[in-house]
C-alpha atoms as a PDB file:
ATOM      1  CA  MET A   1       0.000   0.000   0.000  1.00  0.00           C
ATOM      2  CA  ASN A   2       1.375   3.402  -0.949  1.00  0.00           C
ATOM      3  CA  LYS A   3       1.516   6.418   1.327  1.00  0.00           C
ATOM      4  CA  ASN A   4      -1.724   7.908  -0.021  1.00  0.00           C
ATOM      5  CA  GLY A   5      -3.538   4.643   0.523  1.00  0.00           C
ATOM      6  CA  LYS A   6      -2.377   4.458   4.133  1.00  0.00           C
ATOM      7  CA  THR A   7      -3.467   8.047   4.721  1.00  0.00           C
ATOM      8  CA  ILE A   8      -6.929   7.392   3.301  1.00  0.00           C
ATOM      9  CA  GLY A   9      -7.237   4.251   5.411  1.00  0.00           C
ATOM     10  CA  LEU A  10      -6.244   6.123   8.559  1.00  0.00           C
ATOM     11  CA  LEU A  11      -8.698   8.921   7.843  1.00  0.00           C
ATOM     12  CA  SER A  12     -11.468   6.370   7.309  1.00  0.00           C
ATOM     13  CA  VAL A  13     -10.766   4.832  10.715  1.00  0.00           C
ATOM     14  CA  VAL A  14     -10.812   8.279  12.335  1.00  0.00           C
ATOM     15  CA  VAL A  15     -14.148   9.159  10.709  1.00  0.00           C
ATOM     16  CA  VAL A  16     -15.738   5.879  11.808  1.00  0.00           C
ATOM     17  CA  ALA A  17     -14.424   6.379  15.337  1.00  0.00           C
ATOM     18  CA  MET A  18     -15.799   9.926  15.497  1.00  0.00           C
ATOM     19  CA  VAL A  19     -19.223   8.786  14.323  1.00  0.00           C
ATOM     20  CA  GLY A  20     -19.215   6.026  16.929  1.00  0.00           C
ATOM     21  CA  LEU A  21     -18.266   8.452  19.673  1.00  0.00           C
ATOM     22  CA  SER A  22     -21.014  10.867  18.658  1.00  0.00           C
ATOM     23  CA  PHE A  23     -23.613   8.118  19.047  1.00  0.00           C
ATOM     24  CA  ALA A  24     -22.109   7.022  22.369  1.00  0.00           C
ATOM     25  CA  ALA A  25     -21.825  10.528  23.801  1.00  0.00           C
ATOM     26  CA  VAL A  26     -25.482  10.935  24.793  1.00  0.00           C
ATOM     27  CA  PRO A  27     -25.898   7.622  26.673  1.00  0.00           C
ATOM     28  CA  LEU A  28     -22.474   8.015  28.280  1.00  0.00           C
ATOM     29  CA  TYR A  29     -23.382  11.512  29.456  1.00  0.00           C
ATOM     30  CA  ARG A  30     -26.685  10.200  30.802  1.00  0.00           C
ATOM     31  CA  MET A  31     -24.894   7.414  32.677  1.00  0.00           C
ATOM     32  CA  PHE A  32     -22.458   9.924  34.150  1.00  0.00           C
ATOM     33  CA  CYS A  33     -25.295  12.171  35.326  1.00  0.00           C
ATOM     34  CA  GLU A  34     -27.200   9.267  36.873  1.00  0.00           C
ATOM     35  CA  ALA A  35     -24.100   8.018  38.678  1.00  0.00           C
ATOM     36  CA  THR A  36     -23.068  11.395  40.083  1.00  0.00           C
ATOM     37  CA  GLY A  37     -26.308  13.349  40.349  1.00  0.00           C
ATOM     38  CA  PHE A  38     -24.741  15.964  38.062  1.00  0.00           C
ATOM     39  CA  ASN A  39     -27.095  18.701  36.852  1.00  0.00           C
ATOM     40  CA  GLY A  40     -29.768  17.583  39.302  1.00  0.00           C
ATOM     41  CA  THR A  41     -30.157  14.129  37.748  1.00  0.00           C
ATOM     42  CA  THR A  42     -31.995  11.788  40.096  1.00  0.00           C
ATOM     43  CA  GLN A  43     -31.128   8.158  40.852  1.00  0.00           C
ATOM     44  CA  ARG A  44     -32.951   4.887  40.161  1.00  0.00           C
ATOM     45  CA  ALA A  45     -33.303   1.834  42.394  1.00  0.00           C
ATOM     46  CA  ASP A  46     -35.237  -1.432  42.371  1.00  0.00           C
ATOM     47  CA  ALA A  47     -36.213  -1.205  46.039  1.00  0.00           C
ATOM     48  CA  GLY A  48     -36.607   1.295  48.839  1.00  0.00           C
ATOM     49  CA  ALA A  49     -34.066   2.252  51.481  1.00  0.00           C
ATOM     50  CA  THR A  50     -33.264  -0.261  54.225  1.00  0.00           C
ATOM     51  CA  HIS A  51     -33.753   2.247  57.048  1.00  0.00           C
ATOM     52  CA  THR A  52     -35.068   5.701  57.827  1.00  0.00           C
ATOM     53  CA  VAL A  53     -33.594   8.711  59.610  1.00  0.00           C
ATOM     54  CA  ASN A  54     -35.502  11.169  61.774  1.00  0.00           C
ATOM     55  CA  ARG A  55     -35.014  14.176  59.535  1.00  0.00           C
ATOM     56  CA  ILE A  56     -37.863  15.630  57.521  1.00  0.00           C
ATOM     57  CA  VAL A  57     -37.567  17.363  54.160  1.00  0.00           C
ATOM     58  CA  GLU A  58     -40.258  18.933  52.025  1.00  0.00           C
ATOM     59  CA  VAL A  59     -40.495  17.769  48.414  1.00  0.00           C
ATOM     60  CA  ARG A  60     -42.259  20.135  46.023  1.00  0.00           C
ATOM     61  CA  PHE A  61     -43.474  19.179  42.559  1.00  0.00           C
ATOM     62  CA  ASN A  62     -43.156  21.276  39.424  1.00  0.00           C
ATOM     63  CA  SER A  63     -44.556  20.471  35.973  1.00  0.00           C
ATOM     64  CA  ASN A  64     -44.036  21.885  32.485  1.00  0.00           C
ATOM     65  CA  VAL A  65     -45.140  20.960  28.974  1.00  0.00           C
ATOM     66  CA  SER A  66     -43.300  21.779  25.763  1.00  0.00           C
ATOM     67  CA  PRO A  67     -45.288  24.150  23.489  1.00  0.00           C
ATOM     68  CA  GLU A  68     -45.255  21.530  20.722  1.00  0.00           C
ATOM     69  CA  LEU A  69     -47.076  18.970  22.895  1.00  0.00           C
ATOM     70  CA  PRO A  70     -50.855  19.564  23.246  1.00  0.00           C
ATOM     71  CA  TRP A  71     -51.103  17.974  26.682  1.00  0.00           C
ATOM     72  CA  LYS A  72     -52.164  19.092  30.122  1.00  0.00           C
ATOM     73  CA  PHE A  73     -49.848  17.764  32.826  1.00  0.00           C
ATOM     74  CA  GLY A  74     -49.440  18.382  36.538  1.00  0.00           C
ATOM     75  CA  PRO A  75     -49.084  16.970  40.066  1.00  0.00           C
ATOM     76  CA  GLU A  76     -52.048  15.803  42.124  1.00  0.00           C
ATOM     77  CA  GLU A  77     -50.438  17.457  45.162  1.00  0.00           C
ATOM     78  CA  ARG A  78     -48.076  20.400  45.265  1.00  0.00           C
ATOM     79  CA  SER A  79     -45.757  19.151  48.004  1.00  0.00           C
ATOM     80  CA  VAL A  80     -45.224  16.418  50.599  1.00  0.00           C
ATOM     81  CA  LYS A  81     -43.079  16.091  53.699  1.00  0.00           C
ATOM     82  CA  VAL A  82     -41.046  12.909  53.976  1.00  0.00           C
ATOM     83  CA  LYS A  83     -38.636  11.313  56.406  1.00  0.00           C
ATOM     84  CA  LEU A  84     -35.236  10.411  54.966  1.00  0.00           C
ATOM     85  CA  GLY A  85     -35.356   6.820  53.726  1.00  0.00           C
ATOM     86  CA  GLU A  86     -39.164   6.731  53.660  1.00  0.00           C
ATOM     87  CA  THR A  87     -40.627   5.485  50.372  1.00  0.00           C
ATOM     88  CA  ARG A  88     -43.361   7.859  49.301  1.00  0.00           C
ATOM     89  CA  LEU A  89     -46.050   7.610  46.641  1.00  0.00           C
ATOM     90  CA  THR A  90     -47.240  10.654  44.758  1.00  0.00           C
ATOM     91  CA  SER A  91     -49.124  10.991  41.501  1.00  0.00           C
ATOM     92  CA  PHE A  92     -49.247  13.174  38.410  1.00  0.00           C
ATOM     93  CA  PHE A  93     -51.905  13.380  35.709  1.00  0.00           C
ATOM     94  CA  ALA A  94     -51.590  13.851  31.965  1.00  0.00           C
ATOM     95  CA  GLN A  95     -54.297  14.567  29.424  1.00  0.00           C
ATOM     96  CA  ASN A  96     -54.031  14.615  25.652  1.00  0.00           C
ATOM     97  CA  LEU A  97     -56.007  17.679  24.545  1.00  0.00           C
ATOM     98  CA  SER A  98     -55.716  16.881  20.839  1.00  0.00           C
ATOM     99  CA  GLY A  99     -57.730  14.695  18.499  1.00  0.00           C
ATOM    100  CA  GLU A 100     -54.802  12.391  17.690  1.00  0.00           C
ATOM    101  CA  ASP A 101     -52.785   9.762  19.542  1.00  0.00           C
ATOM    102  CA  ILE A 102     -49.488  11.234  20.740  1.00  0.00           C
ATOM    103  CA  THR A 103     -46.434   9.814  22.499  1.00  0.00           C
ATOM    104  CA  GLY A 104     -44.645  12.019  25.004  1.00  0.00           C
ATOM    105  CA  VAL A 105     -41.439  11.674  26.966  1.00  0.00           C
ATOM    106  CA  ALA A 106     -40.689  13.267  30.340  1.00  0.00           C
ATOM    107  CA  ARG A 107     -37.364  14.813  31.330  1.00  0.00           C
ATOM    108  CA  TYR A 108     -36.708  15.490  34.975  1.00  0.00           C
ATOM    109  CA  ASN A 109     -34.330  16.879  37.569  1.00  0.00           C
ATOM    110  CA  VAL A 110     -34.247  18.136  41.133  1.00  0.00           C
ATOM    111  CA  THR A 111     -33.123  21.385  42.711  1.00  0.00           C
ATOM    112  CA  PRO A 112     -30.917  22.214  44.431  1.00  0.00           C
ATOM    113  CA  GLU A 113     -28.873  20.256  41.883  1.00  0.00           C
ATOM    114  CA  LYS A 114     -26.523  18.926  44.571  1.00  0.00           C
ATOM    115  CA  VAL A 115     -29.411  16.835  45.933  1.00  0.00           C
ATOM    116  CA  GLY A 116     -29.599  14.718  42.753  1.00  0.00           C
ATOM    117  CA  LYS A 117     -27.339  11.946  44.039  1.00  0.00           C
ATOM    118  CA  TYR A 118     -29.621  11.423  47.057  1.00  0.00           C
ATOM    119  CA  PHE A 119     -33.033  11.606  45.379  1.00  0.00           C
ATOM    120  CA  VAL A 120     -34.046   8.094  44.318  1.00  0.00           C
ATOM    121  CA  LYS A 121     -37.038   6.916  42.291  1.00  0.00           C
ATOM    122  CA  THR A 122     -38.045   3.259  42.360  1.00  0.00           C
ATOM    123  CA  GLN A 123     -41.005   3.542  39.963  1.00  0.00           C
ATOM    124  CA  CYS A 124     -41.785   6.425  37.617  1.00  0.00           C
ATOM    125  CA  PHE A 125     -43.676   7.192  34.415  1.00  0.00           C
ATOM    126  CA  CYS A 126     -40.551   9.066  33.335  1.00  0.00           C
ATOM    127  CA  PHE A 127     -38.646   5.794  32.832  1.00  0.00           C
ATOM    128  CA  ASP A 128     -40.586   5.117  29.605  1.00  0.00           C
ATOM    129  CA  ASP A 129     -42.264   7.011  26.785  1.00  0.00           C
ATOM    130  CA  GLN A 130     -45.985   7.561  27.393  1.00  0.00           C
ATOM    131  CA  ARG A 131     -48.598   7.180  24.649  1.00  0.00           C
ATOM    132  CA  LEU A 132     -51.963   8.869  25.149  1.00  0.00           C
ATOM    133  CA  GLU A 133     -54.877   8.386  22.810  1.00  0.00           C
ATOM    134  CA  ALA A 134     -56.910  11.352  21.600  1.00  0.00           C
ATOM    135  CA  ARG A 135     -58.507  13.164  24.598  1.00  0.00           C
ATOM    136  CA  GLN A 136     -57.224  10.492  26.975  1.00  0.00           C
ATOM    137  CA  ARG A 137     -56.408  11.316  30.594  1.00  0.00           C
ATOM    138  CA  VAL A 138     -54.258   9.072  32.812  1.00  0.00           C
ATOM    139  CA  ASP A 139     -52.922   9.097  36.350  1.00  0.00           C
ATOM    140  CA  MET A 140     -49.194   8.409  36.647  1.00  0.00           C
ATOM    141  CA  PRO A 141     -47.736   7.346  40.015  1.00  0.00           C
ATOM    142  CA  VAL A 142     -44.201   7.997  41.229  1.00  0.00           C
ATOM    143  CA  TYR A 143     -42.464   6.158  44.083  1.00  0.00           C
ATOM    144  CA  PHE A 144     -39.422   7.887  45.527  1.00  0.00           C
ATOM    145  CA  PHE A 145     -37.280   8.319  48.618  1.00  0.00           C
ATOM    146  CA  VAL A 146     -34.451  10.545  49.792  1.00  0.00           C
ATOM    147  CA  ASP A 147     -31.355   8.484  50.626  1.00  0.00           C
ATOM    148  CA  PRO A 148     -30.681   8.421  54.394  1.00  0.00           C
ATOM    149  CA  ASP A 149     -27.020   9.282  53.651  1.00  0.00           C
ATOM    150  CA  PHE A 150     -28.349  12.770  52.908  1.00  0.00           C
ATOM    151  CA  ALA A 151     -28.323  13.364  56.682  1.00  0.00           C
ATOM    152  CA  SER A 152     -24.582  12.752  57.070  1.00  0.00           C
ATOM    153  CA  ASP A 153     -23.480  14.964  54.168  1.00  0.00           C
ATOM    154  CA  PRO A 154     -22.471  18.429  55.451  1.00  0.00           C
ATOM    155  CA  ASP A 155     -23.275  19.894  52.024  1.00  0.00           C
ATOM    156  CA  MET A 156     -26.941  19.015  52.620  1.00  0.00           C
ATOM    157  CA  ALA A 157     -27.175  20.724  56.019  1.00  0.00           C
ATOM    158  CA  ASP A 158     -28.855  23.799  54.530  1.00  0.00           C
ATOM    159  CA  VAL A 159     -31.348  21.872  52.385  1.00  0.00           C
ATOM    160  CA  ASN A 160     -34.855  21.553  53.785  1.00  0.00           C
ATOM    161  CA  VAL A 161     -36.811  21.853  50.536  1.00  0.00           C
ATOM    162  CA  ILE A 162     -36.304  19.794  47.355  1.00  0.00           C
ATOM    163  CA  THR A 163     -38.111  20.556  44.094  1.00  0.00           C
ATOM    164  CA  LEU A 164     -38.747  17.698  41.665  1.00  0.00           C
ATOM    165  CA  SER A 165     -39.432  19.040  38.169  1.00  0.00           C
ATOM    166  CA  TYR A 166     -40.789  17.291  35.081  1.00  0.00           C
ATOM    167  CA  THR A 167     -41.096  18.598  31.538  1.00  0.00           C
ATOM    168  CA  PHE A 168     -43.008  16.613  28.917  1.00  0.00           C
ATOM    169  CA  PHE A 169     -41.865  16.735  25.296  1.00  0.00           C
ATOM    170  CA  ARG A 170     -43.287  15.164  22.170  1.00  0.00           C
ATOM    171  CA  ALA A 171     -41.466  11.938  21.323  1.00  0.00           C
ATOM    172  CA  ARG A 172     -39.605  12.114  18.019  1.00  0.00           C
ATOM    173  CA  THR A 173     -39.546   8.574  16.642  1.00  0.00           C
ATOM    174  CA  SER A 174     -42.251   6.244  15.382  1.00  0.00           C
ATOM    175  CA  GLN A 175     -40.670   3.483  17.449  1.00  0.00           C
ATOM    176  CA  ALA A 176     -41.258   5.525  20.583  1.00  0.00           C
ATOM    177  CA  ALA A 177     -44.865   5.983  19.536  1.00  0.00           C
ATOM    178  CA  SER A 178     -45.369   2.216  19.232  1.00  0.00           C
ATOM    179  CA  ASP A 179     -43.711   1.340  22.521  1.00  0.00           C
ATOM    180  CA  GLY A 180     -45.457   3.890  24.734  1.00  0.00           C
ATOM    181  CA  PHE A 181     -47.902   3.736  27.573  1.00  0.00           C
ATOM    182  CA  ARG A 182     -51.292   2.386  26.337  1.00  0.00           C
ATOM    183  CA  ALA A 183     -53.827   2.844  29.123  1.00  0.00           C
ATOM    184  CA  ARG A 184     -57.567   3.205  28.592  1.00  0.00           C
ATOM    185  CA  ALA A 185     -58.927   6.483  29.918  1.00  0.00           C
ATOM    186  CA  PRO A 186     -59.500   7.207  32.662  1.00  0.00           C
ATOM    187  CA  GLN A 187     -57.310   4.834  34.663  1.00  0.00           C
ATOM    188  CA  THR A 188     -54.112   4.590  36.657  1.00  0.00           C
ATOM    189  CA  ALA A 189     -50.846   3.220  35.319  1.00  0.00           C
ATOM    190  CA  GLN A 190     -50.139  -0.200  36.802  1.00  0.00           C
ATOM    191  CA  ILE A 191     -47.050   0.157  38.981  1.00  0.00           C
ATOM    192  CA  ALA A 192     -46.270  -2.281  41.770  1.00  0.00           C
ATOM    193  CA  ALA A 193     -45.557  -0.730  45.134  1.00  0.00           C
ATOM    194  CA  PRO A 194     -41.992  -1.292  46.378  1.00  0.00           C
ATOM    195  CA  ALA A 195     -41.356  -3.147  49.606  1.00  0.00           C
ATOM    196  CA  ALA A 196     -41.618  -1.026  52.737  1.00  0.00           C
ATOM    197  CA  PRO A 197     -38.268   0.051  54.236  1.00  0.00           C
ATOM    198  CA  VAL A 198     -36.986  -1.690  57.337  1.00  0.00           C
ATOM    199  CA  ALA A 199     -37.029   0.687  60.276  1.00  0.00           C
ATOM    200  CA  SER A 200     -33.756   1.167  62.148  1.00  0.00           C
ATOM    201  CA  SER A 201     -33.178   2.275  65.699  1.00  0.00           C
ATOM    202  CA  ALA A 202     -32.704   5.806  64.353  1.00  0.00           C
ATOM    203  CA  SER A 203     -36.346   5.921  63.239  1.00  0.00           C
ATOM    204  CA  ARG A 204     -37.905   4.576  66.443  1.00  0.00           C
END
């Protein structure tokens, strides 16, 4: 192979590598945010905390809808007070105001952003795309807890209020539209309640 051929081959490898990295960048960034709580990204878990701590925080709920999505969306309650480690159920509603079936996707974060690594959801409508039929309204539960380790972090000493925010956007792909949430209005999404946390001596 001559010099020009080697150069072309090398450039081809570089181009392929750059394309691969561009596709990997988004999921890698998402994984980084979920692992560190960066930018207010919350955590996910399969079960609740193993113990509770006698410190109470207030969790407020905020909702937004992208202008391109003809939905109504909001929390059933504006705020709740929870003990650290306590698994709590809250609920949101969504209604498709249009005459066509639409799939939406929710993006979420918490503020202050530093709380993200301690705010854990075990079940949430935001884990999957949600498909609503024309004029359909659904209730969407969320199970969450605040990690008991929150209490031992000096950076959290000044935090007594946490705001959980959701913004719904219109899903972009036809695949998302076919894989979404298909409930019959009006009804509640079927989400199994997580096991109750085991109380420790700190919570008695």
